[in-house]
Amino acid sequence: MADAITTTVLSYVGAVTGIVGSILGYLGYRQSRQIKSLDLRLELRKSVSDLRATVEELPGLLQRARESRAAINAARGILNTGAFEAWKETWEADITAARGLGAELPDSTDTFHRTGQSHLEAKLVAMHALAKRAGKLRDKYLEELSEDDRQRDHLREDMRIQMQAKLGTRRE
């Protein structure tokens, strides 16, 4: 009889332990999903914030690049050439694309609390793709500005040489 009572008690303890373990396992699983969703939301909000900063600087950067290129071409005497016209057409397409990137950004007040995990992942991938496009435009026009700076240096050097030549011929 003692063995039967011990067996019964142990089986109840085992059953209760199994039930409690299942409940705790489910709670742990649910909490890990909530933490993963929180991580995804934070990563998405950070990506959107970084992307928004890049996209907002693009129109100003592109405008600066256009003004710089026009000034350099004017100084070189090639302002109204076919090459510059082609560059301006590309610039027009790029400024339109830069403005379009801003339209693709989510609302800045969106916290994504009601967004499911799979949608968070999809939005994060979409923001990454937008960031790549914005980064390419930014890098392209930063390089254009660097090229203009190199052209300015060459023009200054040419002017210095011309001035030295003029001053050298007057002294003789």
C-alpha atoms as a PDB file:
ATOM      1  CA  MET A   1       0.000   0.000   0.000  1.00  0.00           C
ATOM      2  CA  ALA A   2       2.879   2.370   0.738  1.00  0.00           C
ATOM      3  CA  ASP A   3       4.281   1.592  -2.692  1.00  0.00           C
ATOM      4  CA  ALA A   4       0.954   2.430  -4.333  1.00  0.00           C
ATOM      5  CA  ILE A   5       0.694   5.750  -2.487  1.00  0.00           C
ATOM      6  CA  THR A   6       4.309   6.632  -3.351  1.00  0.00           C
ATOM      7  CA  THR A   7       3.725   5.740  -6.985  1.00  0.00           C
ATOM      8  CA  THR A   8       0.540   7.808  -7.084  1.00  0.00           C
ATOM      9  CA  VAL A   9       2.225  10.819  -5.442  1.00  0.00           C
ATOM     10  CA  LEU A  10       5.216  10.580  -7.762  1.00  0.00           C
ATOM     11  CA  SER A  11       2.967  10.340 -10.803  1.00  0.00           C
ATOM     12  CA  TYR A  12       1.074  13.454  -9.662  1.00  0.00           C
ATOM     13  CA  VAL A  13       4.351  15.275  -9.040  1.00  0.00           C
ATOM     14  CA  GLY A  14       5.546  14.238 -12.503  1.00  0.00           C
ATOM     15  CA  ALA A  15       2.316  15.384 -14.088  1.00  0.00           C
ATOM     16  CA  VAL A  16       2.417  18.748 -12.300  1.00  0.00           C
ATOM     17  CA  THR A  17       6.103  19.151 -13.231  1.00  0.00           C
ATOM     18  CA  GLY A  18       5.302  18.403 -16.865  1.00  0.00           C
ATOM     19  CA  ILE A  19       2.428  20.863 -16.918  1.00  0.00           C
ATOM     20  CA  VAL A  20       4.487  23.593 -15.214  1.00  0.00           C
ATOM     21  CA  GLY A  21       7.393  22.913 -17.590  1.00  0.00           C
ATOM     22  CA  SER A  22       5.085  23.211 -20.590  1.00  0.00           C
ATOM     23  CA  ILE A  23       3.638  26.476 -19.311  1.00  0.00           C
ATOM     24  CA  LEU A  24       7.088  27.914 -18.587  1.00  0.00           C
ATOM     25  CA  GLY A  25       8.345  26.755 -21.984  1.00  0.00           C
ATOM     26  CA  TYR A  26       5.440  28.471 -23.715  1.00  0.00           C
ATOM     27  CA  LEU A  27       5.995  31.665 -21.713  1.00  0.00           C
ATOM     28  CA  GLY A  28       9.692  31.614 -22.576  1.00  0.00           C
ATOM     29  CA  TYR A  29       8.899  31.083 -26.260  1.00  0.00           C
ATOM     30  CA  ARG A  30       6.389  33.931 -26.229  1.00  0.00           C
ATOM     31  CA  GLN A  31       8.845  36.224 -24.467  1.00  0.00           C
ATOM     32  CA  SER A  32      11.615  35.387 -26.951  1.00  0.00           C
ATOM     33  CA  ARG A  33       9.262  36.240 -29.841  1.00  0.00           C
ATOM     34  CA  GLN A  34       8.409  39.539 -28.162  1.00  0.00           C
ATOM     35  CA  ILE A  35      12.095  40.320 -27.684  1.00  0.00           C
ATOM     36  CA  LYS A  36      12.834  39.417 -31.301  1.00  0.00           C
ATOM     37  CA  SER A  37       9.988  41.665 -32.463  1.00  0.00           C
ATOM     38  CA  LEU A  38      11.317  44.454 -30.249  1.00  0.00           C
ATOM     39  CA  ASP A  39      14.802  43.997 -31.712  1.00  0.00           C
ATOM     40  CA  LEU A  40      13.395  44.096 -35.235  1.00  0.00           C
ATOM     41  CA  ARG A  41      11.341  47.217 -34.458  1.00  0.00           C
ATOM     42  CA  LEU A  42      14.367  48.972 -32.982  1.00  0.00           C
ATOM     43  CA  GLU A  43      16.557  47.989 -35.933  1.00  0.00           C
ATOM     44  CA  LEU A  44      13.879  49.130 -38.374  1.00  0.00           C
ATOM     45  CA  ARG A  45      13.385  52.466 -36.622  1.00  0.00           C
ATOM     46  CA  LYS A  46      17.159  53.014 -36.565  1.00  0.00           C
ATOM     47  CA  SER A  47      17.419  52.148 -40.266  1.00  0.00           C
ATOM     48  CA  VAL A  48      14.551  54.473 -41.137  1.00  0.00           C
ATOM     49  CA  SER A  49      16.128  57.284 -39.114  1.00  0.00           C
ATOM     50  CA  ASP A  50      19.539  56.846 -40.768  1.00  0.00           C
ATOM     51  CA  LEU A  51      17.954  56.560 -44.194  1.00  0.00           C
ATOM     52  CA  ARG A  52      15.801  59.626 -43.608  1.00  0.00           C
ATOM     53  CA  ALA A  53      18.930  61.659 -42.775  1.00  0.00           C
ATOM     54  CA  THR A  54      20.640  60.475 -45.963  1.00  0.00           C
ATOM     55  CA  VAL A  55      17.582  61.071 -48.148  1.00  0.00           C
ATOM     56  CA  GLU A  56      17.007  64.544 -46.711  1.00  0.00           C
ATOM     57  CA  GLU A  57      20.591  65.592 -47.502  1.00  0.00           C
ATOM     58  CA  LEU A  58      20.448  64.336 -51.106  1.00  0.00           C
ATOM     59  CA  PRO A  59      18.631  67.277 -52.775  1.00  0.00           C
ATOM     60  CA  GLY A  60      21.044  69.785 -51.249  1.00  0.00           C
ATOM     61  CA  LEU A  61      24.041  67.663 -52.201  1.00  0.00           C
ATOM     62  CA  LEU A  62      22.824  67.247 -55.761  1.00  0.00           C
ATOM     63  CA  GLN A  63      22.118  70.977 -56.058  1.00  0.00           C
ATOM     64  CA  ARG A  64      25.607  71.768 -54.768  1.00  0.00           C
ATOM     65  CA  ALA A  65      27.058  69.319 -57.315  1.00  0.00           C
ATOM     66  CA  ARG A  66      25.125  70.951 -60.164  1.00  0.00           C
ATOM     67  CA  GLU A  67      26.264  74.432 -59.182  1.00  0.00           C
ATOM     68  CA  SER A  68      29.824  73.229 -58.795  1.00  0.00           C
ATOM     69  CA  ARG A  69      29.840  71.497 -62.175  1.00  0.00           C
ATOM     70  CA  ALA A  70      28.338  74.558 -63.863  1.00  0.00           C
ATOM     71  CA  ALA A  71      30.981  76.813 -62.279  1.00  0.00           C
ATOM     72  CA  ILE A  72      33.829  74.507 -63.311  1.00  0.00           C
ATOM     73  CA  ASN A  73      32.520  74.175 -66.851  1.00  0.00           C
ATOM     74  CA  ALA A  74      32.080  77.940 -67.100  1.00  0.00           C
ATOM     75  CA  ALA A  75      35.654  78.468 -65.924  1.00  0.00           C
ATOM     76  CA  ARG A  76      36.868  75.937 -68.490  1.00  0.00           C
ATOM     77  CA  GLY A  77      34.750  77.531 -71.221  1.00  0.00           C
ATOM     78  CA  ILE A  78      32.660  74.410 -71.836  1.00  0.00           C
ATOM     79  CA  LEU A  79      29.399  75.394 -70.171  1.00  0.00           C
ATOM     80  CA  ASN A  80      27.092  74.886 -73.150  1.00  0.00           C
ATOM     81  CA  THR A  81      28.496  71.647 -74.513  1.00  0.00           C
ATOM     82  CA  GLY A  82      26.740  68.406 -75.281  1.00  0.00           C
ATOM     83  CA  ALA A  83      28.653  66.661 -72.502  1.00  0.00           C
ATOM     84  CA  PHE A  84      27.353  69.116 -69.914  1.00  0.00           C
ATOM     85  CA  GLU A  85      23.827  68.849 -71.311  1.00  0.00           C
ATOM     86  CA  ALA A  86      24.026  65.050 -70.997  1.00  0.00           C
ATOM     87  CA  TRP A  87      25.341  65.452 -67.435  1.00  0.00           C
ATOM     88  CA  LYS A  88      22.389  67.741 -66.611  1.00  0.00           C
ATOM     89  CA  GLU A  89      19.925  65.175 -68.000  1.00  0.00           C
ATOM     90  CA  THR A  90      21.456  62.512 -65.766  1.00  0.00           C
ATOM     91  CA  TRP A  91      21.340  64.965 -62.879  1.00  0.00           C
ATOM     92  CA  GLU A  92      17.622  65.626 -63.526  1.00  0.00           C
ATOM     93  CA  ALA A  93      16.910  61.883 -63.404  1.00  0.00           C
ATOM     94  CA  ASP A  94      18.947  61.557 -60.204  1.00  0.00           C
ATOM     95  CA  ILE A  95      17.217  64.483 -58.454  1.00  0.00           C
ATOM     96  CA  THR A  96      13.863  62.944 -59.368  1.00  0.00           C
ATOM     97  CA  ALA A  97      15.043  59.606 -57.988  1.00  0.00           C
ATOM     98  CA  ALA A  98      16.292  61.296 -54.795  1.00  0.00           C
ATOM     99  CA  ARG A  99      12.921  62.935 -54.241  1.00  0.00           C
ATOM    100  CA  GLY A 100      11.217  59.608 -54.935  1.00  0.00           C
ATOM    101  CA  LEU A 101      13.267  57.949 -52.216  1.00  0.00           C
ATOM    102  CA  GLY A 102      11.739  60.317 -49.681  1.00  0.00           C
ATOM    103  CA  ALA A 103       8.268  59.262 -50.753  1.00  0.00           C
ATOM    104  CA  GLU A 104       9.134  55.619 -50.114  1.00  0.00           C
ATOM    105  CA  LEU A 105      10.098  56.207 -46.492  1.00  0.00           C
ATOM    106  CA  PRO A 106       7.639  55.200 -43.769  1.00  0.00           C
ATOM    107  CA  ASP A 107       6.016  57.889 -41.660  1.00  0.00           C
ATOM    108  CA  SER A 108       8.530  59.254 -39.141  1.00  0.00           C
ATOM    109  CA  THR A 109       6.057  58.788 -36.277  1.00  0.00           C
ATOM    110  CA  ASP A 110       5.422  55.112 -37.038  1.00  0.00           C
ATOM    111  CA  THR A 111       6.674  52.918 -34.176  1.00  0.00           C
ATOM    112  CA  PHE A 112       5.729  49.641 -35.923  1.00  0.00           C
ATOM    113  CA  HIS A 113       4.085  48.258 -32.739  1.00  0.00           C
ATOM    114  CA  ARG A 114       1.197  46.708 -34.636  1.00  0.00           C
ATOM    115  CA  THR A 115       3.414  45.230 -37.322  1.00  0.00           C
ATOM    116  CA  GLY A 116       3.959  41.480 -37.291  1.00  0.00           C
ATOM    117  CA  GLN A 117       7.382  39.923 -37.202  1.00  0.00           C
ATOM    118  CA  SER A 118       7.393  38.824 -40.845  1.00  0.00           C
ATOM    119  CA  HIS A 119       6.282  42.299 -41.971  1.00  0.00           C
ATOM    120  CA  LEU A 120       9.001  43.863 -39.805  1.00  0.00           C
ATOM    121  CA  GLU A 121      11.581  41.684 -41.530  1.00  0.00           C
ATOM    122  CA  ALA A 122      10.207  42.605 -44.968  1.00  0.00           C
ATOM    123  CA  LYS A 123      10.245  46.338 -44.125  1.00  0.00           C
ATOM    124  CA  LEU A 124      13.781  46.056 -42.795  1.00  0.00           C
ATOM    125  CA  VAL A 125      14.913  44.463 -46.066  1.00  0.00           C
ATOM    126  CA  ALA A 126      13.093  47.169 -48.035  1.00  0.00           C
ATOM    127  CA  MET A 127      14.797  49.902 -45.977  1.00  0.00           C
ATOM    128  CA  HIS A 128      18.153  48.248 -46.621  1.00  0.00           C
ATOM    129  CA  ALA A 129      17.486  48.334 -50.380  1.00  0.00           C
ATOM    130  CA  LEU A 130      16.473  52.008 -50.170  1.00  0.00           C
ATOM    131  CA  ALA A 131      19.612  52.765 -48.169  1.00  0.00           C
ATOM    132  CA  LYS A 132      21.722  51.164 -50.892  1.00  0.00           C
ATOM    133  CA  ARG A 133      20.071  53.313 -53.567  1.00  0.00           C
ATOM    134  CA  ALA A 134      20.420  56.480 -51.482  1.00  0.00           C
ATOM    135  CA  GLY A 135      24.038  55.637 -50.676  1.00  0.00           C
ATOM    136  CA  LYS A 136      24.856  55.147 -54.357  1.00  0.00           C
ATOM    137  CA  LEU A 137      23.414  58.553 -55.214  1.00  0.00           C
ATOM    138  CA  ARG A 138      25.214  60.213 -52.306  1.00  0.00           C
ATOM    139  CA  ASP A 139      28.536  58.579 -53.195  1.00  0.00           C
ATOM    140  CA  LYS A 140      28.146  59.433 -56.883  1.00  0.00           C
ATOM    141  CA  TYR A 141      27.678  63.138 -56.207  1.00  0.00           C
ATOM    142  CA  LEU A 142      30.328  63.286 -53.502  1.00  0.00           C
ATOM    143  CA  GLU A 143      32.698  61.888 -56.129  1.00  0.00           C
ATOM    144  CA  GLU A 144      31.428  64.488 -58.629  1.00  0.00           C
ATOM    145  CA  LEU A 145      32.242  67.230 -56.104  1.00  0.00           C
ATOM    146  CA  SER A 146      35.689  65.727 -55.539  1.00  0.00           C
ATOM    147  CA  GLU A 147      36.292  65.691 -59.284  1.00  0.00           C
ATOM    148  CA  ASP A 148      35.247  69.345 -59.471  1.00  0.00           C
ATOM    149  CA  ASP A 149      37.692  70.146 -56.659  1.00  0.00           C
ATOM    150  CA  ARG A 150      40.472  68.423 -58.619  1.00  0.00           C
ATOM    151  CA  GLN A 151      39.506  70.453 -61.698  1.00  0.00           C
ATOM    152  CA  ARG A 152      39.634  73.648 -59.610  1.00  0.00           C
ATOM    153  CA  ASP A 153      43.125  72.743 -58.447  1.00  0.00           C
ATOM    154  CA  HIS A 154      44.218  72.216 -62.069  1.00  0.00           C
ATOM    155  CA  LEU A 155      42.669  75.531 -63.100  1.00  0.00           C
ATOM    156  CA  ARG A 156      44.447  77.337 -60.251  1.00  0.00           C
ATOM    157  CA  GLU A 157      47.726  75.745 -61.240  1.00  0.00           C
ATOM    158  CA  ASP A 158      47.198  76.710 -64.888  1.00  0.00           C
ATOM    159  CA  MET A 159      46.399  80.277 -63.852  1.00  0.00           C
ATOM    160  CA  ARG A 160      49.487  80.394 -61.635  1.00  0.00           C
ATOM    161  CA  ILE A 161      51.681  79.189 -64.507  1.00  0.00           C
ATOM    162  CA  GLN A 162      50.135  81.725 -66.894  1.00  0.00           C
ATOM    163  CA  MET A 163      50.642  84.508 -64.384  1.00  0.00           C
ATOM    164  CA  GLN A 164      54.253  83.519 -63.803  1.00  0.00           C
ATOM    165  CA  ALA A 165      54.811  83.418 -67.546  1.00  0.00           C
ATOM    166  CA  LYS A 166      53.353  86.921 -67.945  1.00  0.00           C
ATOM    167  CA  LEU A 167      55.378  88.272 -65.041  1.00  0.00           C
ATOM    168  CA  GLY A 168      58.501  86.568 -66.354  1.00  0.00           C
ATOM    169  CA  THR A 169      58.146  88.078 -69.832  1.00  0.00           C
ATOM    170  CA  ARG A 170      57.580  91.607 -68.477  1.00  0.00           C
ATOM    171  CA  ARG A 171      60.778  91.550 -66.424  1.00  0.00           C
ATOM    172  CA  GLU A 172      62.977  90.782 -69.412  1.00  0.00           C
END
